[in-house]
Amino acid sequence: MTEMTVVVPRRWAGWTRTRHLAGMTVAMVAGMVLLGPLWRAVGQAVGGAGALARADVAALVMATNMSLGMVAWMWHRGDGWAATAQMTAAMFVPFLLLFPPWWAGLVGDHTLMLGGHLLMVPAMVLVALRHHHPAGVAPPRRPAAAVARRWPAALALLMTADMWFAPTVVPPWTLLVLPAGYLLLGTWRRQWADRRRLGVQLAGLAVWGGLAAVAVAVPDRVAGVLVGLGWLGHTGWDLWHHRAGSVVPRGYAQWCAVLDVAVGVTTLLAVLSR
């Protein structure tokens, strides 16, 4: 058999890049929304709220939050490390260029933030044009099938909707539910033929169990921060298992990831509101 080259209309290639930039923008906003409360909670817990209020520090924190969301999106799309690193640089370089005049008192806080965001847009476009995916045949759109595959995430959002309106600090023992779910489902699915998988799950039990034990022993405010971070940290565990398709069904990992984010963020919001 011989290779077949498919010629794709230029408008499809342009639409692909536009969609990619739109997806990254959404991911960046999601990074700011989800990670912003974490920085504030940690800053208040360790007494660093004053430092976070500085415009230069706030700009770096914002760039970090946006970069983490964008990196997650690019990793999901299968972008290369070079493109990911350059897109991350596009988040930081505009602010770094404006730091010297801000330190010298030539520009104010508002100019620093606004100018950094305005310079970020052309920087992102340049990187996207430099590292665009080879154009392929546009797949047929099946929105109903896409929604059907995301039903576990929708279920988790439905289950946690009330938490956003009345955030509460969940007890430390709830951290034990996170590794326990994987151990129970893995046992039911007979996933322990590979002992390394079992070892990883037991290590997870030790980590989240230890975090729960520490949360019980510290003051309530610090405990709330630890619990919130513990739930958020488990999101990475869910995403890794979802990608690997091991131990638990992919639908469970998807549901658990959304649930973890909701519980973690609302717990930290409850701590901040006290």
Protein backbone atom coordinates (compact mmCIF):
# COMPACT_ATOMS: atom_id res chain seq x y z
CA MET A 1 0.00 0.00 0.00
CA THR A 2 1.17 3.55 -0.67
CA GLU A 3 0.75 6.64 1.45
CA MET A 4 -2.08 8.92 0.41
CA THR A 5 -1.83 12.66 0.81
CA VAL A 6 -5.05 14.46 1.55
CA VAL A 7 -5.28 18.07 0.50
CA VAL A 8 -7.22 20.09 3.02
CA PRO A 9 -8.80 23.47 2.22
CA ARG A 10 -6.86 26.39 3.70
CA ARG A 11 -9.95 27.60 5.57
CA TRP A 12 -9.96 24.37 7.61
CA ALA A 13 -6.34 24.88 8.65
CA GLY A 14 -7.12 28.46 9.69
CA TRP A 15 -10.19 27.32 11.63
CA THR A 16 -8.09 24.65 13.38
CA ARG A 17 -5.60 27.27 14.60
CA THR A 18 -8.39 29.59 15.67
CA ARG A 19 -10.06 26.80 17.63
CA HIS A 20 -6.73 25.93 19.22
CA LEU A 21 -6.21 29.52 20.39
CA ALA A 22 -9.79 29.69 21.66
CA GLY A 23 -9.30 26.45 23.58
CA MET A 24 -6.10 27.75 25.14
CA THR A 25 -7.82 30.97 26.14
CA VAL A 26 -10.57 29.04 27.91
CA ALA A 27 -7.95 26.86 29.60
CA MET A 28 -6.04 29.95 30.75
CA VAL A 29 -9.17 31.49 32.26
CA ALA A 30 -9.98 28.17 33.94
CA GLY A 31 -6.47 28.12 35.41
CA MET A 32 -6.95 31.60 36.88
CA VAL A 33 -10.40 30.81 38.28
CA LEU A 34 -9.43 27.46 39.81
CA LEU A 35 -5.93 28.25 41.05
CA GLY A 36 -6.46 31.84 42.19
CA PRO A 37 -8.24 30.83 45.42
CA LEU A 38 -5.42 28.39 46.17
CA TRP A 39 -2.80 31.12 46.16
CA ARG A 40 -4.94 33.32 48.39
CA ALA A 41 -5.60 30.49 50.82
CA VAL A 42 -1.95 29.49 51.04
CA GLY A 43 -0.89 33.13 51.29
CA GLN A 44 -3.19 33.74 54.24
CA ALA A 45 -2.18 30.46 55.88
CA VAL A 46 1.55 31.25 55.75
CA GLY A 47 1.23 35.00 56.25
CA GLY A 48 2.15 35.93 52.69
CA ALA A 49 -1.00 37.83 51.73
CA GLY A 50 0.94 41.11 51.65
CA ALA A 51 3.48 39.77 49.18
CA LEU A 52 0.75 38.43 46.91
CA ALA A 53 -0.83 41.89 46.83
CA ARG A 54 2.22 43.39 45.08
CA ALA A 55 1.52 44.00 41.40
CA ASP A 56 4.69 42.23 40.19
CA VAL A 57 4.04 39.16 42.34
CA ALA A 58 0.36 39.13 41.35
CA ALA A 59 1.37 39.28 37.68
CA LEU A 60 3.70 36.30 38.07
CA VAL A 61 1.04 34.35 39.95
CA MET A 62 -1.51 35.13 37.25
CA ALA A 63 0.92 34.10 34.50
CA THR A 64 1.60 30.86 36.36
CA ASN A 65 -2.10 30.06 36.73
CA MET A 66 -2.75 30.75 33.06
CA SER A 67 0.27 28.72 32.02
CA LEU A 68 -0.78 25.67 34.03
CA GLY A 69 -4.24 25.67 32.46
CA MET A 70 -2.78 26.18 29.00
CA VAL A 71 -0.15 23.46 29.46
CA ALA A 72 -2.87 21.01 30.50
CA TRP A 73 -4.82 21.84 27.34
CA MET A 74 -1.78 21.53 25.07
CA TRP A 75 -0.83 18.23 26.69
CA HIS A 76 -4.37 16.99 26.06
CA ARG A 77 -4.06 17.97 22.39
CA GLY A 78 -0.67 16.28 22.03
CA ASP A 79 1.36 19.43 21.34
CA GLY A 80 5.14 19.11 21.48
CA TRP A 81 7.26 20.30 24.38
CA ALA A 82 8.89 23.04 22.29
CA ALA A 83 5.52 24.59 21.44
CA THR A 84 4.36 24.24 25.04
CA ALA A 85 7.52 25.88 26.40
CA GLN A 86 7.29 28.78 23.94
CA MET A 87 3.60 29.32 24.69
CA THR A 88 4.43 29.36 28.40
CA ALA A 89 7.13 31.96 27.71
CA ALA A 90 4.46 34.03 25.94
CA MET A 91 2.63 34.20 29.29
CA PHE A 92 5.62 35.49 31.27
CA VAL A 93 7.78 37.55 28.89
CA PRO A 94 5.28 40.45 28.46
CA PHE A 95 5.15 40.97 32.22
CA LEU A 96 8.92 40.58 32.59
CA LEU A 97 9.46 43.30 29.98
CA LEU A 98 7.25 45.69 31.97
CA PHE A 99 8.79 44.96 35.38
CA PRO A 100 11.80 47.33 35.03
CA PRO A 101 9.67 50.42 34.24
CA TRP A 102 7.24 49.42 37.01
CA TRP A 103 10.10 49.04 39.52
CA ALA A 104 11.41 52.44 38.39
CA GLY A 105 8.00 53.98 39.04
CA LEU A 106 7.47 54.91 35.38
CA VAL A 107 4.25 52.88 35.05
CA GLY A 108 1.53 52.03 37.54
CA ASP A 109 -0.08 48.78 38.64
CA HIS A 110 -2.91 49.07 36.12
CA THR A 111 -0.51 49.66 33.23
CA LEU A 112 1.57 46.67 34.24
CA MET A 113 -1.41 44.32 34.26
CA LEU A 114 -3.15 45.72 31.19
CA GLY A 115 0.04 46.01 29.17
CA GLY A 116 1.11 42.48 30.03
CA HIS A 117 -2.20 41.05 28.86
CA LEU A 118 -2.23 43.10 25.66
CA LEU A 119 1.31 42.02 24.73
CA MET A 120 0.42 38.44 25.54
CA VAL A 121 -2.08 38.18 22.68
CA PRO A 122 0.33 38.75 19.76
CA ALA A 123 2.94 36.60 21.49
CA MET A 124 0.48 33.70 21.64
CA VAL A 125 -0.51 34.17 18.00
CA LEU A 126 3.13 34.13 16.88
CA VAL A 127 3.79 30.88 18.75
CA ALA A 128 0.59 29.33 17.37
CA LEU A 129 1.60 30.24 13.82
CA ARG A 130 5.10 28.90 14.36
CA HIS A 131 3.96 25.57 15.85
CA HIS A 132 0.67 24.71 14.21
CA HIS A 133 -0.40 21.13 13.70
CA PRO A 134 -0.27 19.84 10.14
CA ALA A 135 -3.74 20.30 8.72
CA GLY A 136 -5.74 17.11 8.59
CA VAL A 137 -9.14 16.15 7.39
CA ALA A 138 -11.75 17.82 9.54
CA PRO A 139 -13.58 15.08 11.44
CA PRO A 140 -17.35 14.96 11.26
CA ARG A 141 -18.97 16.76 14.15
CA ARG A 142 -21.00 14.59 16.45
CA PRO A 143 -22.00 16.85 19.34
CA ALA A 144 -24.47 14.33 20.78
CA ALA A 145 -21.77 11.64 21.01
CA ALA A 146 -19.31 14.11 22.57
CA VAL A 147 -21.85 15.10 25.23
CA ALA A 148 -22.66 11.46 25.91
CA ARG A 149 -19.00 10.70 26.59
CA ARG A 150 -18.88 13.52 29.14
CA TRP A 151 -21.85 12.38 31.22
CA PRO A 152 -19.68 11.49 34.26
CA ALA A 153 -18.36 15.07 34.35
CA ALA A 154 -21.89 16.43 34.01
CA LEU A 155 -23.03 14.19 36.85
CA ALA A 156 -20.23 15.44 39.10
CA LEU A 157 -21.12 19.05 38.30
CA LEU A 158 -24.73 18.35 39.16
CA MET A 159 -23.78 16.68 42.45
CA THR A 160 -21.58 19.60 43.53
CA ALA A 161 -23.68 22.54 42.23
CA ASP A 162 -24.88 23.51 45.72
CA MET A 163 -21.32 23.62 47.06
CA TRP A 164 -20.57 26.77 45.04
CA PHE A 165 -23.49 28.62 46.63
CA ALA A 166 -22.73 27.48 50.19
CA PRO A 167 -19.04 26.48 50.45
CA THR A 168 -18.18 24.35 53.46
CA VAL A 169 -14.99 22.82 54.81
CA VAL A 170 -15.25 19.05 54.47
CA PRO A 171 -13.78 16.98 57.33
CA PRO A 172 -10.22 15.57 57.10
CA TRP A 173 -11.46 11.97 57.03
CA THR A 174 -12.95 12.59 53.58
CA LEU A 175 -9.40 12.45 52.20
CA LEU A 176 -9.45 8.71 52.88
CA VAL A 177 -12.35 8.30 50.46
CA LEU A 178 -10.11 9.34 47.56
CA PRO A 179 -7.64 6.41 47.59
CA ALA A 180 -10.26 4.01 48.98
CA GLY A 181 -12.43 4.37 45.86
CA TYR A 182 -9.53 3.34 43.63
CA LEU A 183 -8.60 0.40 45.84
CA LEU A 184 -12.17 -0.91 45.99
CA LEU A 185 -12.82 -0.54 42.27
CA GLY A 186 -9.43 -1.95 41.40
CA THR A 187 -10.11 -4.99 43.57
CA TRP A 188 -13.55 -5.50 42.04
CA ARG A 189 -12.05 -5.24 38.54
CA ARG A 190 -9.16 -7.59 39.44
CA GLN A 191 -6.46 -5.09 38.58
CA TRP A 192 -3.79 -6.32 40.97
CA ALA A 193 -2.23 -9.00 38.79
CA ASP A 194 0.45 -6.37 38.26
CA ARG A 195 1.70 -5.83 41.81
CA ARG A 196 3.15 -2.46 40.88
CA ARG A 197 -0.37 -1.12 40.39
CA LEU A 198 -1.32 -2.24 43.87
CA GLY A 199 1.86 -0.70 45.26
CA VAL A 200 1.03 2.64 43.67
CA GLN A 201 -2.49 2.59 45.12
CA LEU A 202 -1.21 1.71 48.59
CA ALA A 203 1.29 4.56 48.32
CA GLY A 204 -1.61 6.87 47.47
CA LEU A 205 -3.48 5.60 50.52
CA ALA A 206 -0.43 6.38 52.67
CA VAL A 207 -0.09 9.91 51.23
CA TRP A 208 -3.73 10.95 51.61
CA GLY A 209 -4.05 9.11 54.90
CA GLY A 210 -1.00 10.94 56.23
CA LEU A 211 -2.40 14.24 55.04
CA ALA A 212 -5.68 13.49 56.84
CA ALA A 213 -3.77 12.67 60.04
CA VAL A 214 -1.87 15.97 59.85
CA ALA A 215 -5.10 17.88 59.19
CA VAL A 216 -6.62 16.41 62.37
CA ALA A 217 -3.66 17.59 64.47
CA VAL A 218 -3.36 21.21 63.25
CA PRO A 219 -5.60 24.26 63.82
CA ASP A 220 -8.91 24.34 61.97
CA ARG A 221 -7.92 26.98 59.42
CA VAL A 222 -4.73 25.19 58.42
CA ALA A 223 -6.62 21.89 58.38
CA GLY A 224 -9.15 23.33 55.94
CA VAL A 225 -6.36 24.45 53.61
CA LEU A 226 -4.72 21.01 53.76
CA VAL A 227 -8.00 19.25 53.06
CA GLY A 228 -8.78 21.53 50.12
CA LEU A 229 -5.31 21.04 48.66
CA GLY A 230 -5.60 17.30 49.21
CA TRP A 231 -8.80 17.12 47.19
CA LEU A 232 -7.35 19.31 44.44
CA GLY A 233 -4.14 17.28 44.36
CA HIS A 234 -6.13 14.12 43.74
CA THR A 235 -7.31 15.63 40.45
CA GLY A 236 -3.89 14.89 38.98
CA TRP A 237 -4.24 11.29 40.15
CA ASP A 238 -7.60 11.07 38.36
CA LEU A 239 -6.26 12.56 35.13
CA TRP A 240 -3.30 10.19 35.09
CA HIS A 241 -5.55 7.15 35.52
CA HIS A 242 -8.00 8.49 32.95
CA ARG A 243 -5.20 8.80 30.41
CA ALA A 244 -3.75 5.38 31.27
CA GLY A 245 -7.17 3.69 31.34
CA SER A 246 -6.10 1.45 34.22
CA VAL A 247 -7.35 0.44 37.69
CA VAL A 248 -10.71 2.25 37.41
CA PRO A 249 -13.08 2.84 34.47
CA ARG A 250 -12.27 6.01 32.55
CA GLY A 251 -15.75 7.34 33.33
CA TYR A 252 -15.07 7.05 37.06
CA ALA A 253 -11.76 8.89 36.72
CA GLN A 254 -13.51 11.65 34.76
CA TRP A 255 -16.28 11.95 37.35
CA CYS A 256 -13.80 11.93 40.22
CA ALA A 257 -11.61 14.64 38.65
CA VAL A 258 -14.52 17.09 38.38
CA LEU A 259 -15.73 16.20 41.86
CA ASP A 260 -12.24 16.70 43.32
CA VAL A 261 -11.91 20.16 41.79
CA ALA A 262 -15.32 21.25 43.06
CA VAL A 263 -14.79 19.98 46.60
CA GLY A 264 -11.22 21.29 46.77
CA VAL A 265 -11.98 24.78 45.51
CA THR A 266 -15.16 25.24 47.56
CA THR A 267 -13.37 24.02 50.67
CA LEU A 268 -10.66 26.65 50.17
CA LEU A 269 -13.31 29.30 49.49
CA ALA A 270 -14.99 28.35 52.77
CA VAL A 271 -11.68 28.76 54.61
CA LEU A 272 -11.16 32.20 53.05
CA SER A 273 -14.66 33.33 54.03
CA ARG A 274 -14.15 32.61 57.71
